[in-house]
């Protein structure tokens, strides 16, 4: 039997429903499994199931021991005000989302270093703006898209009806056209 290298990890996956509701990208951390057969380039990567956790208990225990916690929200890497280095710095403090940064207590932000408190205030302002403006814009855009589809369908139906009316008018004109008497031959 070939040796299978198995590991569990957290991967961010976009939560499309919440993203649409809140008008910004929202991701949920999901526990995934990666299986690699030794000597092969092939790899299996998917969301982990309860069966995977039972089948690979040592690997799952090692994953839990690392302390990877699943989080939900807008990753700092997706926040326009955060550089990649800032996101990595915050990951050191286990702050991975804009929501976590916005929720930092002032005392904790001060202990983390200069400028963190300002970033936390900016995160709160960004979330407030995103929740009020962008969510409404997103909802209106989704409604407009639905209405646009309905309008396109209605226009198609109108074109079909126009063609049918033209056909009926031709038939009516043929039936009501005066018949000319046939001339008798000389």
Protein backbone atom coordinates (compact mmCIF):
# COMPACT_ATOMS: atom_id res chain seq x y z
CA UNK A 1 0.00 0.00 0.00
CA UNK A 2 1.47 3.39 -0.98
CA UNK A 3 2.37 5.89 1.70
CA UNK A 4 -0.11 8.77 1.94
CA UNK A 5 1.04 12.08 3.38
CA UNK A 6 -1.98 13.71 4.98
CA UNK A 7 -2.39 17.11 6.55
CA UNK A 8 -5.24 19.26 7.74
CA UNK A 9 -5.22 23.01 7.23
CA UNK A 10 -7.46 26.05 7.28
CA UNK A 11 -8.32 27.66 3.96
CA UNK A 12 -10.41 30.79 3.45
CA UNK A 13 -13.47 30.26 1.25
CA UNK A 14 -15.72 33.07 0.12
CA UNK A 15 -19.15 33.11 1.72
CA UNK A 16 -21.15 34.33 -1.28
CA UNK A 17 -24.39 34.81 0.65
CA UNK A 18 -22.85 36.99 3.37
CA UNK A 19 -20.72 38.83 0.79
CA UNK A 20 -23.85 39.79 -1.12
CA UNK A 21 -25.70 40.76 2.06
CA UNK A 22 -22.87 42.94 3.42
CA UNK A 23 -21.67 44.41 0.13
CA UNK A 24 -18.06 43.29 0.54
CA UNK A 25 -16.11 40.06 0.34
CA UNK A 26 -16.64 37.85 3.40
CA UNK A 27 -14.62 34.68 3.85
CA UNK A 28 -15.06 31.78 6.24
CA UNK A 29 -12.11 29.67 7.32
CA UNK A 30 -12.80 26.04 6.48
CA UNK A 31 -10.91 22.96 7.66
CA UNK A 32 -9.53 21.17 4.60
CA UNK A 33 -7.55 18.00 4.04
CA UNK A 34 -4.61 17.52 1.70
CA UNK A 35 -3.53 14.00 0.74
CA UNK A 36 -0.42 13.32 -1.31
CA UNK A 37 0.71 9.84 -2.34
CA UNK A 38 4.46 9.55 -1.90
CA UNK A 39 6.18 9.47 -5.28
CA UNK A 40 3.20 10.95 -7.11
CA UNK A 41 2.49 14.46 -8.34
CA UNK A 42 -1.22 13.94 -7.72
CA UNK A 43 -2.86 15.51 -4.72
CA UNK A 44 -6.32 15.47 -3.17
CA UNK A 45 -7.42 18.75 -1.64
CA UNK A 46 -10.95 19.26 -0.34
CA UNK A 47 -13.06 20.24 2.64
CA UNK A 48 -12.43 17.79 5.48
CA UNK A 49 -15.23 15.53 6.63
CA UNK A 50 -15.86 13.88 9.99
CA UNK A 51 -14.80 10.62 8.36
CA UNK A 52 -11.41 12.17 7.44
CA UNK A 53 -10.91 13.21 11.07
CA UNK A 54 -11.62 9.64 12.23
CA UNK A 55 -9.47 8.06 9.49
CA UNK A 56 -6.45 10.30 10.23
CA UNK A 57 -6.68 10.95 14.01
CA UNK A 58 -2.94 11.65 14.56
CA UNK A 59 -2.79 14.17 11.76
CA UNK A 60 -5.99 15.84 12.93
CA UNK A 61 -4.71 15.99 16.52
CA UNK A 62 -1.48 17.62 15.26
CA UNK A 63 -3.58 20.16 13.36
CA UNK A 64 -5.60 20.97 16.49
CA UNK A 65 -2.41 21.24 18.53
CA UNK A 66 -1.04 23.92 16.16
CA UNK A 67 -3.95 26.06 17.29
CA UNK A 68 -5.28 27.07 13.89
CA UNK A 69 -8.63 28.68 14.58
CA UNK A 70 -11.33 29.08 11.98
CA UNK A 71 -12.49 32.67 11.60
CA UNK A 72 -15.10 34.46 9.53
CA UNK A 73 -14.94 37.94 8.08
CA UNK A 74 -13.00 40.06 5.62
CA UNK A 75 -9.35 38.96 5.58
CA UNK A 76 -6.87 41.75 6.23
CA UNK A 77 -5.24 40.83 2.92
CA UNK A 78 -8.49 41.89 1.19
CA UNK A 79 -8.76 45.22 3.04
CA UNK A 80 -7.49 48.09 0.86
CA UNK A 81 -5.96 49.89 3.88
CA UNK A 82 -3.76 46.93 4.88
CA UNK A 83 -0.47 46.12 3.22
CA UNK A 84 0.73 42.53 2.97
CA UNK A 85 3.32 43.18 5.67
CA UNK A 86 0.67 44.65 7.99
CA UNK A 87 -1.53 41.58 7.46
CA UNK A 88 1.41 39.31 8.36
CA UNK A 89 2.21 41.39 11.41
CA UNK A 90 -1.39 41.12 12.58
CA UNK A 91 -1.40 37.35 11.93
CA UNK A 92 1.41 37.14 14.51
CA UNK A 93 -1.09 38.57 17.02
CA UNK A 94 -3.84 36.22 15.72
CA UNK A 95 -5.72 39.08 14.11
CA UNK A 96 -6.68 37.84 10.66
CA UNK A 97 -9.80 39.82 9.70
CA UNK A 98 -10.87 43.44 9.54
CA UNK A 99 -13.61 42.58 12.04
CA UNK A 100 -11.05 41.27 14.54
CA UNK A 101 -8.92 44.38 14.10
CA UNK A 102 -11.94 46.63 14.55
CA UNK A 103 -12.87 44.76 17.72
CA UNK A 104 -9.48 45.19 19.41
CA UNK A 105 -9.61 46.82 22.79
CA UNK A 106 -7.63 50.06 22.93
CA UNK A 107 -5.27 48.61 25.54
CA UNK A 108 -4.50 45.57 23.38
CA UNK A 109 -3.91 47.76 20.32
CA UNK A 110 -1.47 49.95 22.28
CA UNK A 111 0.49 46.90 23.44
CA UNK A 112 0.77 45.60 19.87
CA UNK A 113 2.73 48.63 18.68
CA UNK A 114 2.53 52.09 17.23
CA UNK A 115 -0.15 52.77 14.69
CA UNK A 116 -2.24 49.69 15.50
CA UNK A 117 -4.82 51.73 17.38
CA UNK A 118 -5.17 54.05 14.36
CA UNK A 119 -5.62 51.02 12.08
CA UNK A 120 -8.29 49.66 14.45
CA UNK A 121 -10.18 52.96 14.26
CA UNK A 122 -9.85 52.92 10.46
CA UNK A 123 -11.14 49.33 10.39
CA UNK A 124 -14.21 50.31 12.43
CA UNK A 125 -14.90 53.24 10.09
CA UNK A 126 -14.45 51.04 7.01
CA UNK A 127 -16.83 48.39 8.35
CA UNK A 128 -19.43 51.02 9.25
CA UNK A 129 -19.22 52.54 5.76
CA UNK A 130 -19.27 49.14 4.10
CA UNK A 131 -22.28 48.03 6.09
CA UNK A 132 -24.28 51.15 5.31
CA UNK A 133 -23.34 52.16 1.76
CA UNK A 134 -21.93 49.17 -0.04
CA UNK A 135 -24.51 46.74 1.30
CA UNK A 136 -27.28 48.93 -0.07
CA UNK A 137 -25.46 49.37 -3.38
CA UNK A 138 -24.94 45.62 -3.63
CA UNK A 139 -28.60 44.90 -2.91
CA UNK A 140 -29.75 47.48 -5.46
CA UNK A 141 -27.34 46.08 -8.04
CA UNK A 142 -28.67 42.55 -7.47
CA UNK A 143 -32.25 43.79 -7.79
CA UNK A 144 -31.34 45.71 -10.97
CA UNK A 145 -29.82 42.57 -12.44
CA UNK A 146 -33.02 40.62 -11.72
CA UNK A 147 -35.14 43.41 -13.21
CA UNK A 148 -32.87 43.55 -16.25
CA UNK A 149 -33.35 39.83 -16.83
CA UNK A 150 -37.13 40.22 -16.48
CA UNK A 151 -37.07 43.15 -18.92
CA UNK A 152 -35.06 41.15 -21.47
CA UNK A 153 -37.59 38.33 -21.24
CA UNK A 154 -40.50 40.77 -21.64
CA UNK A 155 -38.86 42.33 -24.73
CA UNK A 156 -38.45 38.87 -26.28
CA UNK A 157 -42.13 38.16 -25.65
CA UNK A 158 -43.09 41.50 -27.26
CA UNK A 159 -41.07 40.65 -30.38
CA UNK A 160 -42.80 37.26 -30.62
CA UNK A 161 -46.20 38.94 -30.24
CA UNK A 162 -45.33 41.51 -32.96
CA UNK A 163 -44.45 38.71 -35.36
CA UNK A 164 -47.71 36.91 -34.55
CA UNK A 165 -49.72 40.11 -35.06
CA UNK A 166 -48.05 40.69 -38.44
CA UNK A 167 -48.97 37.14 -39.50
CA UNK A 168 -52.57 37.58 -38.39
CA UNK A 169 -52.80 40.91 -40.23
CA UNK A 170 -51.56 39.30 -43.45
CA UNK A 171 -54.13 36.51 -43.14
CA UNK A 172 -56.91 39.03 -42.46
CA UNK A 173 -55.92 41.15 -45.47
CA UNK A 174 -55.91 38.08 -47.75
CA UNK A 175 -59.45 37.12 -46.65
CA UNK A 176 -60.86 40.63 -46.99
CA UNK A 177 -59.12 41.55 -50.24
CA UNK A 178 -61.69 42.17 -53.01
CA UNK A 179 -61.90 39.41 -55.55
CA UNK A 180 -61.67 40.61 -59.11
CA UNK A 181 -64.07 38.93 -61.53
CA UNK A 182 -62.46 36.71 -64.10
CA UNK A 183 -62.69 38.05 -67.63
CA UNK A 184 -64.29 35.84 -70.14
CA UNK A 185 -62.15 35.01 -73.08
CA UNK A 186 -62.83 36.74 -76.49
